[in-house]
C-alpha cells in the first residue's frame, strides 16, 4: 500500500521558514546545494514514527504544505489519480538521485505529490 514518505512546506522566504521550524521544533534543516530550485532538507528526528521533508521557495500562490506518496509506478498512479477525478498541477519531472515526482490536486482541491523513488 502506498504511504506518505515526504512533506514539502512552500514558503515565500525559505530561509525565514527554516529558522522558524528550527527554533520551534529543533529540526535539523540544511540548504540543499544540488537542486535547480531553492530547497532546504528537513530532518525531523531519528526516533519514533515520522517523516522528513523539505522547505522550498513557493512557486505557486496555492502551494502550502504538500505530502508525497511513494508509488511503484509513477505512470500507473498518475492514471489512477486522473481517472478518479484528480487533476495534474505539474507534470512528471525527474529529480536526479531522488526519483520521478509530480504535483496533483484531489477532488476536494487539496494538493499532494506522488513519487516513484529511484532504485537504491
N, C-alpha and C. Protein backbone atom coordinates (compact mmCIF):
# COMPACT_ATOMS: atom_id res chain seq x y z
N UNK A 1 0.84 -1.17 0.00
CA UNK A 1 0.00 0.00 0.00
C UNK A 1 0.90 1.24 0.00
N UNK A 2 0.68 2.19 -0.91
CA UNK A 2 1.49 3.41 -0.93
C UNK A 2 1.33 4.22 0.36
N UNK A 3 2.44 4.82 0.82
CA UNK A 3 2.43 5.59 2.07
C UNK A 3 3.02 6.97 1.87
N UNK A 4 2.63 7.89 2.75
CA UNK A 4 3.25 9.22 2.76
C UNK A 4 4.69 9.06 3.22
N UNK A 5 5.63 9.61 2.43
CA UNK A 5 7.05 9.42 2.73
C UNK A 5 7.83 10.72 2.83
N UNK A 6 7.20 11.84 2.48
CA UNK A 6 7.93 13.11 2.44
C UNK A 6 6.92 14.25 2.47
N UNK A 7 7.30 15.36 3.07
CA UNK A 7 6.47 16.56 3.02
C UNK A 7 7.28 17.71 2.47
N UNK A 8 6.59 18.70 1.91
CA UNK A 8 7.23 19.93 1.49
C UNK A 8 6.41 21.10 2.02
N UNK A 9 7.10 22.08 2.55
CA UNK A 9 6.47 23.30 3.02
C UNK A 9 6.89 24.40 2.05
N UNK A 10 5.91 25.01 1.38
CA UNK A 10 6.20 26.11 0.46
C UNK A 10 6.28 27.41 1.26
N UNK A 11 7.28 28.23 0.96
CA UNK A 11 7.48 29.45 1.73
C UNK A 11 7.90 30.60 0.82
N UNK A 12 7.41 31.79 1.14
CA UNK A 12 7.85 32.98 0.41
C UNK A 12 9.33 33.26 0.69
N UNK A 13 9.75 32.97 1.92
CA UNK A 13 11.14 33.16 2.35
C UNK A 13 11.61 31.87 3.03
N UNK A 14 12.14 30.91 2.25
CA UNK A 14 12.54 29.63 2.81
C UNK A 14 13.54 29.73 3.96
N UNK A 15 14.42 30.71 3.89
CA UNK A 15 15.40 30.86 4.97
C UNK A 15 14.70 31.24 6.28
N UNK A 16 13.73 32.14 6.20
CA UNK A 16 12.96 32.54 7.37
C UNK A 16 12.13 31.36 7.90
N UNK A 17 11.50 30.62 6.98
CA UNK A 17 10.71 29.46 7.40
C UNK A 17 11.60 28.40 8.05
N UNK A 18 12.80 28.20 7.50
CA UNK A 18 13.73 27.24 8.08
C UNK A 18 14.09 27.63 9.51
N UNK A 19 14.36 28.91 9.72
CA UNK A 19 14.68 29.39 11.07
C UNK A 19 13.51 29.17 12.01
N UNK A 20 12.29 29.42 11.54
CA UNK A 20 11.10 29.23 12.36
C UNK A 20 10.99 27.77 12.84
N UNK A 21 11.03 26.82 11.91
CA UNK A 21 10.86 25.41 12.28
C UNK A 21 12.05 24.89 13.08
N UNK A 22 13.23 25.40 12.82
CA UNK A 22 14.41 25.04 13.61
C UNK A 22 14.23 25.52 15.04
N UNK A 23 13.79 26.78 15.21
CA UNK A 23 13.61 27.36 16.55
C UNK A 23 12.47 26.69 17.32
N UNK A 24 11.35 26.44 16.63
CA UNK A 24 10.18 25.89 17.32
C UNK A 24 10.35 24.41 17.66
N UNK A 25 10.76 23.60 16.68
CA UNK A 25 10.79 22.15 16.87
C UNK A 25 12.19 21.55 17.00
N UNK A 26 13.23 22.35 16.75
CA UNK A 26 14.59 21.83 16.83
C UNK A 26 14.97 20.96 15.65
N UNK A 27 14.24 21.07 14.54
CA UNK A 27 14.54 20.26 13.37
C UNK A 27 15.91 20.65 12.79
N UNK A 28 16.60 19.65 12.24
CA UNK A 28 17.88 19.87 11.57
C UNK A 28 17.57 20.24 10.12
N UNK A 29 17.84 21.48 9.72
CA UNK A 29 17.49 21.97 8.39
C UNK A 29 18.74 22.53 7.73
N UNK A 30 19.03 22.00 6.53
CA UNK A 30 20.22 22.42 5.79
C UNK A 30 19.85 22.69 4.34
N UNK A 31 20.42 23.77 3.79
CA UNK A 31 20.18 24.10 2.39
C UNK A 31 20.78 23.02 1.50
N UNK A 32 20.00 22.58 0.51
CA UNK A 32 20.44 21.58 -0.45
C UNK A 32 21.04 22.31 -1.63
N UNK A 33 22.30 22.06 -1.90
CA UNK A 33 23.01 22.75 -2.97
C UNK A 33 22.86 22.06 -4.32
N UNK A 34 22.26 20.87 -4.35
CA UNK A 34 22.21 20.09 -5.59
C UNK A 34 21.00 20.33 -6.46
N UNK A 35 20.07 21.17 -6.05
CA UNK A 35 18.83 21.31 -6.80
C UNK A 35 18.77 22.51 -7.71
N UNK A 36 17.80 22.47 -8.60
CA UNK A 36 17.58 23.57 -9.52
C UNK A 36 16.73 24.67 -8.89
N UNK A 37 16.07 24.37 -7.79
CA UNK A 37 15.25 25.36 -7.08
C UNK A 37 15.79 25.51 -5.66
N UNK A 38 15.44 26.64 -5.03
CA UNK A 38 15.83 26.89 -3.64
C UNK A 38 15.16 25.84 -2.76
N UNK A 39 15.96 25.04 -2.05
CA UNK A 39 15.39 23.91 -1.31
C UNK A 39 16.23 23.63 -0.06
N UNK A 40 15.56 23.42 1.06
CA UNK A 40 16.20 23.06 2.32
C UNK A 40 15.70 21.69 2.73
N UNK A 41 16.61 20.78 3.09
CA UNK A 41 16.25 19.45 3.56
C UNK A 41 15.95 19.52 5.05
N UNK A 42 14.86 18.87 5.46
CA UNK A 42 14.40 18.90 6.84
C UNK A 42 14.44 17.49 7.43
N UNK A 43 15.21 17.33 8.50
CA UNK A 43 15.26 16.07 9.25
C UNK A 43 14.52 16.33 10.56
N UNK A 44 13.41 15.62 10.77
CA UNK A 44 12.56 15.88 11.93
C UNK A 44 12.92 15.03 13.14
N UNK A 45 13.80 14.07 12.98
CA UNK A 45 14.22 13.23 14.10
C UNK A 45 14.59 11.84 13.64
N UNK A 46 15.12 11.08 14.57
CA UNK A 46 15.57 9.72 14.24
C UNK A 46 14.82 8.64 15.01
N UNK A 47 14.05 9.04 16.03
CA UNK A 47 13.37 8.05 16.86
C UNK A 47 11.87 8.17 16.71
N UNK A 48 11.19 7.04 16.78
CA UNK A 48 9.73 7.05 16.73
C UNK A 48 9.20 7.26 15.33
N UNK A 49 7.87 7.25 15.19
CA UNK A 49 7.27 7.43 13.86
C UNK A 49 7.46 8.86 13.36
N UNK A 50 7.42 9.02 12.07
CA UNK A 50 7.53 10.34 11.49
C UNK A 50 8.17 10.29 10.12
N UNK A 51 8.17 11.41 9.43
CA UNK A 51 8.79 11.52 8.12
C UNK A 51 9.63 12.79 8.07
N UNK A 52 10.53 12.84 7.13
CA UNK A 52 11.34 14.02 6.89
C UNK A 52 10.80 14.75 5.67
N UNK A 53 11.32 15.92 5.39
CA UNK A 53 10.78 16.67 4.28
C UNK A 53 11.69 17.76 3.79
N UNK A 54 11.06 18.82 3.31
CA UNK A 54 11.80 19.94 2.77
C UNK A 54 11.02 21.23 2.85
N UNK A 55 11.75 22.32 2.73
CA UNK A 55 11.16 23.65 2.63
C UNK A 55 11.64 24.22 1.31
N UNK A 56 10.70 24.72 0.51
CA UNK A 56 11.07 25.21 -0.82
C UNK A 56 10.48 26.59 -1.07
N UNK A 57 11.07 27.29 -2.00
CA UNK A 57 10.56 28.58 -2.44
C UNK A 57 9.19 28.35 -3.05
N UNK A 58 8.19 29.15 -2.62
CA UNK A 58 6.83 29.00 -3.14
C UNK A 58 6.83 29.31 -4.63
N UNK A 59 6.40 28.33 -5.44
CA UNK A 59 6.36 28.50 -6.90
C UNK A 59 4.96 28.84 -7.40
N UNK A 60 3.97 28.70 -6.53
CA UNK A 60 2.58 28.93 -6.90
C UNK A 60 1.87 29.45 -5.65
N UNK A 61 1.05 30.48 -5.76
CA UNK A 61 0.41 31.04 -4.56
C UNK A 61 -0.47 30.04 -3.81
N UNK A 62 -0.92 28.99 -4.49
CA UNK A 62 -1.78 28.00 -3.85
C UNK A 62 -1.01 26.95 -3.05
N UNK A 63 0.29 26.86 -3.26
CA UNK A 63 1.07 25.83 -2.58
C UNK A 63 1.29 26.19 -1.12
N UNK A 64 1.00 25.25 -0.24
CA UNK A 64 1.26 25.44 1.19
C UNK A 64 2.11 24.28 1.66
N UNK A 65 1.49 23.25 2.21
CA UNK A 65 2.21 22.04 2.62
C UNK A 65 1.72 20.89 1.76
N UNK A 66 2.66 20.12 1.25
CA UNK A 66 2.35 19.03 0.33
C UNK A 66 2.90 17.73 0.89
N UNK A 67 2.06 16.70 0.92
CA UNK A 67 2.51 15.37 1.30
C UNK A 67 2.77 14.57 0.04
N UNK A 68 3.88 13.84 0.02
CA UNK A 68 4.22 12.98 -1.11
C UNK A 68 3.99 11.53 -0.76
N UNK A 69 3.34 10.81 -1.68
CA UNK A 69 3.06 9.39 -1.51
C UNK A 69 3.98 8.61 -2.44
N UNK A 70 4.71 7.63 -1.88
CA UNK A 70 5.61 6.81 -2.69
C UNK A 70 4.81 5.73 -3.40
N UNK A 71 5.07 5.56 -4.70
CA UNK A 71 4.38 4.56 -5.51
C UNK A 71 5.41 3.76 -6.30
N UNK A 72 5.00 2.56 -6.72
CA UNK A 72 5.90 1.71 -7.50
C UNK A 72 5.99 2.14 -8.95
N UNK A 73 4.88 2.66 -9.50
CA UNK A 73 4.85 3.08 -10.90
C UNK A 73 4.22 4.46 -11.00
N UNK A 74 5.03 5.46 -11.30
CA UNK A 74 4.52 6.83 -11.41
C UNK A 74 3.37 6.90 -12.40
N UNK A 75 3.59 6.38 -13.61
CA UNK A 75 2.60 6.49 -14.67
C UNK A 75 1.28 5.81 -14.29
N UNK A 76 1.36 4.66 -13.64
CA UNK A 76 0.15 3.93 -13.23
C UNK A 76 -0.66 4.77 -12.24
N UNK A 77 0.01 5.38 -11.28
CA UNK A 77 -0.72 6.16 -10.27
C UNK A 77 -1.18 7.51 -10.82
N UNK A 78 -0.44 8.09 -11.75
CA UNK A 78 -0.92 9.31 -12.42
C UNK A 78 -2.25 9.01 -13.10
N UNK A 79 -2.30 7.88 -13.81
CA UNK A 79 -3.53 7.49 -14.48
C UNK A 79 -4.67 7.26 -13.49
N UNK A 80 -4.38 6.65 -12.33
CA UNK A 80 -5.40 6.41 -11.31
C UNK A 80 -5.92 7.74 -10.75
N UNK A 81 -5.01 8.68 -10.50
CA UNK A 81 -5.41 10.00 -9.99
C UNK A 81 -6.37 10.66 -10.97
N UNK A 82 -5.99 10.69 -12.25
CA UNK A 82 -6.80 11.36 -13.26
C UNK A 82 -8.14 10.65 -13.47
N UNK A 83 -8.13 9.31 -13.47
CA UNK A 83 -9.37 8.55 -13.65
C UNK A 83 -10.33 8.71 -12.47
N UNK A 84 -9.79 9.05 -11.31
CA UNK A 84 -10.63 9.20 -10.12
C UNK A 84 -11.08 10.65 -9.90
N UNK A 85 -10.80 11.53 -10.86
CA UNK A 85 -11.28 12.91 -10.77
C UNK A 85 -10.24 13.91 -10.31
N UNK A 86 -9.01 13.46 -10.06
CA UNK A 86 -7.94 14.39 -9.70
C UNK A 86 -7.42 15.11 -10.92
N UNK A 87 -6.66 16.17 -10.71
CA UNK A 87 -6.08 16.92 -11.82
C UNK A 87 -4.58 17.09 -11.62
N UNK A 88 -3.88 17.18 -12.73
CA UNK A 88 -2.43 17.35 -12.70
C UNK A 88 -2.08 18.82 -12.61
N UNK A 89 -1.26 19.19 -11.62
CA UNK A 89 -0.82 20.57 -11.48
C UNK A 89 0.53 20.79 -12.15
N UNK A 90 1.48 19.88 -11.89
CA UNK A 90 2.80 19.93 -12.50
C UNK A 90 3.12 18.52 -12.97
N UNK A 91 3.43 18.35 -14.24
CA UNK A 91 3.68 17.00 -14.77
C UNK A 91 4.95 16.37 -14.21
N UNK A 92 5.10 15.12 -14.49
CA UNK A 92 6.24 14.34 -14.02
C UNK A 92 7.55 15.02 -14.36
N UNK A 93 8.42 15.07 -13.36
CA UNK A 93 9.78 15.56 -13.59
C UNK A 93 10.72 14.64 -12.82
N UNK A 94 11.92 14.50 -13.33
CA UNK A 94 12.90 13.65 -12.65
C UNK A 94 13.83 14.52 -11.83
N UNK A 95 14.00 14.13 -10.57
CA UNK A 95 14.96 14.78 -9.69
C UNK A 95 16.09 13.77 -9.52
N UNK A 96 17.26 14.04 -10.09
CA UNK A 96 18.37 13.09 -10.02
C UNK A 96 18.70 12.69 -8.58
N UNK A 97 18.84 11.41 -8.38
CA UNK A 97 19.15 10.88 -7.05
C UNK A 97 17.94 10.73 -6.16
N UNK A 98 16.77 11.19 -6.62
CA UNK A 98 15.54 11.12 -5.83
C UNK A 98 14.50 10.25 -6.53
N UNK A 99 14.11 10.63 -7.74
CA UNK A 99 13.12 9.87 -8.49
C UNK A 99 12.22 10.77 -9.31
N UNK A 100 11.14 10.19 -9.84
CA UNK A 100 10.15 10.93 -10.61
C UNK A 100 9.09 11.46 -9.67
N UNK A 101 8.79 12.77 -9.77
CA UNK A 101 7.78 13.38 -8.90
C UNK A 101 6.83 14.22 -9.74
N UNK A 102 5.64 14.45 -9.19
CA UNK A 102 4.65 15.32 -9.83
C UNK A 102 3.66 15.80 -8.78
N UNK A 103 2.98 16.89 -9.10
CA UNK A 103 2.02 17.51 -8.17
C UNK A 103 0.61 17.38 -8.75
N UNK A 104 -0.34 17.06 -7.86
CA UNK A 104 -1.72 16.84 -8.26
C UNK A 104 -2.67 17.50 -7.29
N UNK A 105 -3.93 17.65 -7.72
CA UNK A 105 -4.99 18.18 -6.87
C UNK A 105 -6.06 17.09 -6.78
N UNK A 106 -6.53 16.81 -5.54
CA UNK A 106 -7.58 15.81 -5.38
C UNK A 106 -8.94 16.43 -5.70
N UNK A 107 -10.00 15.65 -5.53
CA UNK A 107 -11.35 16.12 -5.87
C UNK A 107 -11.84 17.23 -4.95
N UNK A 108 -11.16 17.44 -3.82
CA UNK A 108 -11.55 18.49 -2.87
C UNK A 108 -10.67 19.73 -2.98
N UNK A 109 -9.75 19.72 -3.93
CA UNK A 109 -8.88 20.88 -4.13
C UNK A 109 -7.57 20.82 -3.37
N UNK A 110 -7.32 19.74 -2.64
CA UNK A 110 -6.07 19.60 -1.89
C UNK A 110 -4.93 19.19 -2.83
N UNK A 111 -3.76 19.75 -2.58
CA UNK A 111 -2.59 19.43 -3.39
C UNK A 111 -1.77 18.34 -2.71
N UNK A 112 -1.30 17.38 -3.50
CA UNK A 112 -0.42 16.32 -3.00
C UNK A 112 0.54 15.94 -4.11
N UNK A 113 1.55 15.17 -3.75
CA UNK A 113 2.52 14.73 -4.74
C UNK A 113 2.62 13.22 -4.77
N UNK A 114 3.06 12.69 -5.90
CA UNK A 114 3.43 11.28 -5.98
C UNK A 114 4.89 11.22 -6.38
N UNK A 115 5.55 10.19 -5.88
CA UNK A 115 6.97 10.00 -6.17
C UNK A 115 7.23 8.52 -6.42
N UNK A 116 7.92 8.25 -7.51
CA UNK A 116 8.46 6.93 -7.75
C UNK A 116 9.94 7.04 -7.47
N UNK A 117 10.37 6.60 -6.27
CA UNK A 117 11.77 6.76 -5.90
C UNK A 117 12.70 5.99 -6.84
N UNK A 118 13.89 6.55 -7.03
CA UNK A 118 14.90 5.83 -7.80
C UNK A 118 15.28 4.57 -7.04
N UNK A 119 15.60 3.50 -7.77
CA UNK A 119 16.03 2.27 -7.09
C UNK A 119 17.29 2.52 -6.27
N UNK A 120 17.38 1.85 -5.13
CA UNK A 120 18.56 2.01 -4.28
C UNK A 120 19.60 0.99 -4.60
